[in-house]
Amino acid sequence: MNNLSNIDIKTLNDHNIPITEEIIDQINNGYPIPYIVGDVNFYGYTFKVSEDVLIPRFETEQLIEHVLNKNIKFNHVLDLCSGSGAIGITLALKTNALVDMVEISPKAVAIANENVLLHHLDNKVVINNTDLFTYEIADNYDLIISNPPYLTHQDNVSPNTRFEPDIALYSDDDSIKYYKYIIDQISNLHNWKLVAFEIGETEGNDIIKYANEHGLTNVYCLKDYNDCDRFIFIEKTE
């Protein structure tokens, strides 16, 4: 038990999970505690998680914070590559907007549906189990937000990600292909107010360049608390 932090011990105790040798070995091997206890706190809300979804990160809380600080009235939000639903559900709770989510993994959709029901949002949130690259974005969203896969298999990644689903992490050999597809779509739409991306720390310039080439000029990058490029925002130019 001495190998566990006080936070680890408290989390396990709060979930009434006995601290066995097996549990200690799992944690010491880097297995994420949220997968052991089955949930995680994100932006002050509880979200169910499993090995079928990425564990929501602190950086993604920053993404939401930046969006809310815009003080834009959002009526209809689109969350692309939504995973557990943490982004879309949090925005539904904070803004009272209707939220559509798009996620390719049926197992992730099942977890997201549990989270929708957990937060009593089945009348506000709709989840589409489909491939982003076959999904046509409608022209009725104020906010389009995404934290898509952006790693390539050539990247040096944290060993802590080895228990998380590859489908939520890796973008084949083109780290910005998801962003390109979304930019291709929104460049032909008229009613969105804000597009918000979480990105890998090396992708910012390439995404901004691609957006500029598609006529989107109010595009900028913000850093996370570790001083890494982490967020891209595209604002509608009137």
Protein backbone atom coordinates (compact mmCIF):
# COMPACT_ATOMS: atom_id res chain seq x y z
CA MET A 1 0.00 0.00 0.00
CA ASN A 2 2.98 2.28 0.60
CA ASN A 3 3.56 2.34 -3.16
CA LEU A 4 0.28 4.19 -3.69
CA SER A 5 -0.17 7.92 -3.28
CA ASN A 6 -2.65 9.33 -0.79
CA ILE A 7 -4.83 10.41 -3.73
CA ASP A 8 -4.76 6.86 -5.13
CA ILE A 9 -5.77 5.40 -1.76
CA LYS A 10 -8.56 7.96 -1.28
CA THR A 11 -9.94 7.33 -4.78
CA LEU A 12 -10.03 3.58 -4.23
CA ASN A 13 -11.58 3.96 -0.78
CA ASP A 14 -14.22 6.39 -2.10
CA HIS A 15 -15.23 3.73 -4.61
CA ASN A 16 -15.17 0.94 -2.00
CA ILE A 17 -12.52 -0.95 -3.92
CA PRO A 18 -10.32 -3.17 -1.72
CA ILE A 19 -6.62 -2.37 -2.03
CA THR A 20 -5.36 -5.82 -2.94
CA GLU A 21 -1.93 -6.86 -4.18
CA GLU A 22 -3.46 -7.20 -7.66
CA ILE A 23 -4.72 -3.60 -7.57
CA ILE A 24 -1.36 -2.34 -6.31
CA ASP A 25 0.45 -4.22 -9.08
CA GLN A 26 -1.89 -2.79 -11.71
CA ILE A 27 -1.32 0.77 -10.53
CA ASN A 28 2.43 0.30 -10.22
CA ASN A 29 2.40 -1.00 -13.80
CA GLY A 30 0.81 2.27 -14.95
CA TYR A 31 -2.75 1.01 -15.31
CA PRO A 32 -5.01 4.08 -14.98
CA ILE A 33 -6.99 4.34 -11.77
CA PRO A 34 -10.02 5.74 -13.65
CA TYR A 35 -10.26 2.39 -15.44
CA ILE A 36 -10.08 0.56 -12.11
CA VAL A 37 -12.81 2.62 -10.44
CA GLY A 38 -14.84 3.10 -13.63
CA ASP A 39 -15.15 6.87 -13.62
CA VAL A 40 -13.24 10.14 -13.62
CA ASN A 41 -13.87 13.71 -12.55
CA PHE A 42 -13.88 16.13 -15.45
CA TYR A 43 -14.71 19.81 -15.12
CA GLY A 44 -16.42 19.06 -11.80
CA TYR A 45 -18.64 16.31 -13.23
CA THR A 46 -18.39 12.54 -12.98
CA PHE A 47 -17.97 10.57 -16.20
CA LYS A 48 -17.96 6.83 -16.64
CA VAL A 49 -14.89 5.49 -18.42
CA SER A 50 -13.53 2.13 -19.51
CA GLU A 51 -10.72 0.84 -21.68
CA ASP A 52 -13.00 1.60 -24.64
CA VAL A 53 -12.55 5.37 -24.27
CA LEU A 54 -9.76 7.85 -23.78
CA ILE A 55 -9.55 9.20 -20.24
CA PRO A 56 -10.47 12.92 -20.38
CA ARG A 57 -7.42 15.07 -19.71
CA PHE A 58 -6.83 18.28 -17.78
CA GLU A 59 -5.88 19.97 -21.05
CA THR A 60 -9.36 19.26 -22.39
CA GLU A 61 -10.82 21.05 -19.38
CA GLN A 62 -8.76 24.03 -20.52
CA LEU A 63 -10.30 23.74 -23.99
CA ILE A 64 -13.76 24.00 -22.50
CA GLU A 65 -12.69 26.88 -20.27
CA HIS A 66 -11.43 28.83 -23.28
CA VAL A 67 -14.70 28.20 -25.12
CA LEU A 68 -16.85 29.33 -22.20
CA ASN A 69 -14.71 32.43 -21.72
CA LYS A 70 -15.72 33.58 -25.20
CA ASN A 71 -19.13 34.48 -23.73
CA ILE A 72 -20.81 33.39 -26.96
CA LYS A 73 -24.39 32.16 -26.79
CA PHE A 74 -24.40 28.60 -28.10
CA ASN A 75 -27.70 27.01 -29.04
CA HIS A 76 -26.46 23.99 -30.96
CA VAL A 77 -23.08 22.32 -30.49
CA LEU A 78 -21.35 19.61 -32.54
CA ASP A 79 -18.73 17.46 -30.77
CA LEU A 80 -16.72 15.42 -33.26
CA CYS A 81 -14.77 12.29 -32.21
CA SER A 82 -16.60 12.52 -28.91
CA GLY A 83 -15.37 9.39 -27.11
CA SER A 84 -16.84 9.25 -23.60
CA GLY A 85 -18.89 12.36 -24.33
CA ALA A 86 -17.08 14.45 -21.73
CA ILE A 87 -16.73 17.53 -23.94
CA GLY A 88 -20.23 17.58 -25.39
CA ILE A 89 -21.97 16.69 -22.14
CA THR A 90 -20.02 19.30 -20.17
CA LEU A 91 -20.97 21.94 -22.72
CA ALA A 92 -24.61 20.86 -22.57
CA LEU A 93 -24.52 21.24 -18.79
CA LYS A 94 -22.71 24.58 -18.83
CA THR A 95 -24.48 26.27 -21.76
CA ASN A 96 -27.88 24.54 -21.92
CA ALA A 97 -27.27 24.04 -25.64
CA LEU A 98 -28.44 21.09 -27.69
CA VAL A 99 -25.48 18.86 -28.49
CA ASP A 100 -24.86 16.39 -31.31
CA MET A 101 -21.91 14.05 -30.97
CA VAL A 102 -20.16 11.92 -33.59
CA GLU A 103 -18.13 8.84 -32.62
CA ILE A 104 -17.02 5.88 -34.74
CA SER A 105 -16.52 3.32 -31.95
CA PRO A 106 -19.70 1.48 -30.88
CA LYS A 107 -18.10 0.66 -27.53
CA ALA A 108 -17.29 4.33 -26.92
CA VAL A 109 -20.82 5.27 -27.91
CA ALA A 110 -22.14 2.85 -25.27
CA ILE A 111 -20.05 4.61 -22.60
CA ALA A 112 -21.15 8.04 -23.87
CA ASN A 113 -24.79 6.94 -23.70
CA GLU A 114 -24.27 5.93 -20.08
CA ASN A 115 -22.88 9.40 -19.39
CA VAL A 116 -25.79 11.08 -21.14
CA LEU A 117 -28.19 9.18 -18.91
CA LEU A 118 -26.03 9.78 -15.83
CA HIS A 119 -26.44 13.52 -16.35
CA HIS A 120 -30.11 13.31 -17.40
CA LEU A 121 -29.42 14.81 -20.82
CA ASP A 122 -31.19 12.33 -23.10
CA ASN A 123 -33.48 15.17 -24.21
CA LYS A 124 -30.53 17.42 -25.14
CA VAL A 125 -27.73 15.19 -26.43
CA VAL A 126 -27.79 12.98 -29.53
CA ILE A 127 -24.94 10.58 -30.33
CA ASN A 128 -24.27 9.53 -33.92
CA ASN A 129 -22.33 6.27 -34.21
CA THR A 130 -20.60 6.96 -37.51
CA ASP A 131 -17.25 7.62 -39.15
CA LEU A 132 -16.37 11.31 -39.18
CA PHE A 133 -15.13 10.98 -42.77
CA THR A 134 -18.60 9.97 -43.97
CA TYR A 135 -20.39 12.54 -41.81
CA GLU A 136 -21.60 15.72 -43.49
CA ILE A 137 -21.67 18.65 -41.08
CA ALA A 138 -24.98 20.50 -41.24
CA ASP A 139 -25.11 24.28 -41.30
CA ASN A 140 -26.96 24.65 -38.02
CA TYR A 141 -24.24 24.66 -35.36
CA ASP A 142 -22.92 27.65 -33.40
CA LEU A 143 -19.95 25.72 -32.04
CA ILE A 144 -18.02 22.87 -33.62
CA ILE A 145 -15.51 21.30 -31.26
CA SER A 146 -13.19 18.33 -31.53
CA ASN A 147 -10.35 16.55 -29.79
CA PRO A 148 -9.65 13.97 -32.49
CA PRO A 149 -6.86 11.42 -32.75
CA TYR A 150 -3.64 13.18 -33.74
CA LEU A 151 -0.77 10.86 -32.89
CA THR A 152 1.14 8.92 -35.53
CA HIS A 153 2.93 5.65 -34.88
CA GLN A 154 6.22 7.48 -35.34
CA ASP A 155 5.51 9.75 -32.35
CA ASN A 156 7.10 9.24 -28.96
CA VAL A 157 4.10 8.76 -26.70
CA SER A 158 3.70 8.46 -22.96
CA PRO A 159 3.75 4.83 -21.80
CA ASN A 160 0.63 5.64 -19.78
CA THR A 161 -1.38 5.67 -23.02
CA ARG A 162 -0.70 2.00 -23.72
CA PHE A 163 -3.91 0.95 -21.99
CA GLU A 164 -6.07 3.42 -23.92
CA PRO A 165 -7.73 2.59 -27.27
CA ASP A 166 -5.56 3.15 -30.34
CA ILE A 167 -8.60 4.33 -32.29
CA ALA A 168 -8.85 7.35 -29.96
CA LEU A 169 -5.14 8.16 -30.15
CA TYR A 170 -3.73 7.50 -33.60
CA SER A 171 -4.35 9.27 -36.89
CA ASP A 172 -2.40 6.90 -39.17
CA ASP A 173 0.45 8.76 -40.87
CA ASP A 174 -1.26 12.15 -41.25
CA SER A 175 -1.55 13.77 -37.84
CA ILE A 176 -3.89 16.52 -39.06
CA LYS A 177 -6.23 14.58 -41.35
CA TYR A 178 -9.18 14.97 -38.98
CA TYR A 179 -8.66 18.72 -38.75
CA LYS A 180 -8.38 18.96 -42.53
CA TYR A 181 -11.70 17.20 -43.02
CA ILE A 182 -13.46 19.46 -40.54
CA ILE A 183 -11.93 22.58 -42.09
CA ASP A 184 -12.96 21.37 -45.56
CA GLN A 185 -16.53 21.13 -44.29
CA ILE A 186 -16.80 24.36 -42.34
CA SER A 187 -15.26 26.45 -45.10
CA ASN A 188 -18.52 25.89 -47.00
CA LEU A 189 -20.82 26.63 -44.04
CA HIS A 190 -22.18 29.97 -42.89
CA ASN A 191 -23.83 29.75 -39.47
CA TRP A 192 -21.07 28.60 -37.13
CA LYS A 193 -19.58 31.12 -34.72
CA LEU A 194 -16.60 29.22 -33.30
CA VAL A 195 -14.57 26.13 -34.11
CA ALA A 196 -12.36 24.77 -31.33
CA PHE A 197 -9.74 22.04 -31.57
CA GLU A 198 -7.43 20.32 -29.14
CA ILE A 199 -4.22 19.49 -30.98
CA GLY A 200 -0.83 17.86 -30.63
CA GLU A 201 1.91 20.28 -29.71
CA THR A 202 3.55 20.13 -33.15
CA GLU A 203 0.43 20.49 -35.32
CA GLY A 204 -0.55 24.11 -34.76
CA ASN A 205 1.25 25.80 -37.65
CA ASP A 206 0.14 23.19 -40.20
CA ILE A 207 -3.51 23.47 -39.12
CA ILE A 208 -3.44 27.27 -39.21
CA LYS A 209 -1.85 27.19 -42.67
CA TYR A 210 -4.47 24.75 -43.95
CA ALA A 211 -7.30 26.86 -42.53
CA ASN A 212 -5.86 30.03 -44.09
CA GLU A 213 -5.61 28.28 -47.46
CA HIS A 214 -9.34 27.56 -47.20
CA GLY A 215 -10.30 31.17 -46.62
CA LEU A 216 -10.41 31.06 -42.82
CA THR A 217 -8.35 33.98 -41.56
CA ASN A 218 -9.32 34.46 -37.91
CA VAL A 219 -7.35 31.42 -36.72
CA TYR A 220 -5.02 31.28 -33.73
CA CYS A 221 -3.30 28.88 -31.36
CA LEU A 222 -3.22 28.94 -27.55
CA LYS A 223 -0.88 27.11 -25.23
CA ASP A 224 -1.71 24.81 -22.35
CA TYR A 225 -0.39 25.24 -18.81
CA ASN A 226 2.79 23.39 -19.81
CA ASP A 227 3.49 26.08 -22.41
CA CYS A 228 2.82 23.67 -25.29
CA ASP A 229 0.70 24.57 -28.31
CA ARG A 230 -2.56 22.79 -27.54
CA PHE A 231 -5.65 24.60 -28.84
CA ILE A 232 -6.71 26.03 -32.18
CA PHE A 233 -9.62 28.43 -32.45
CA ILE A 234 -11.29 29.56 -35.63
CA GLU A 235 -13.69 32.47 -35.24
CA LYS A 236 -16.14 33.59 -37.87
CA THR A 237 -15.09 36.77 -39.62
CA GLU A 238 -18.16 38.87 -40.28
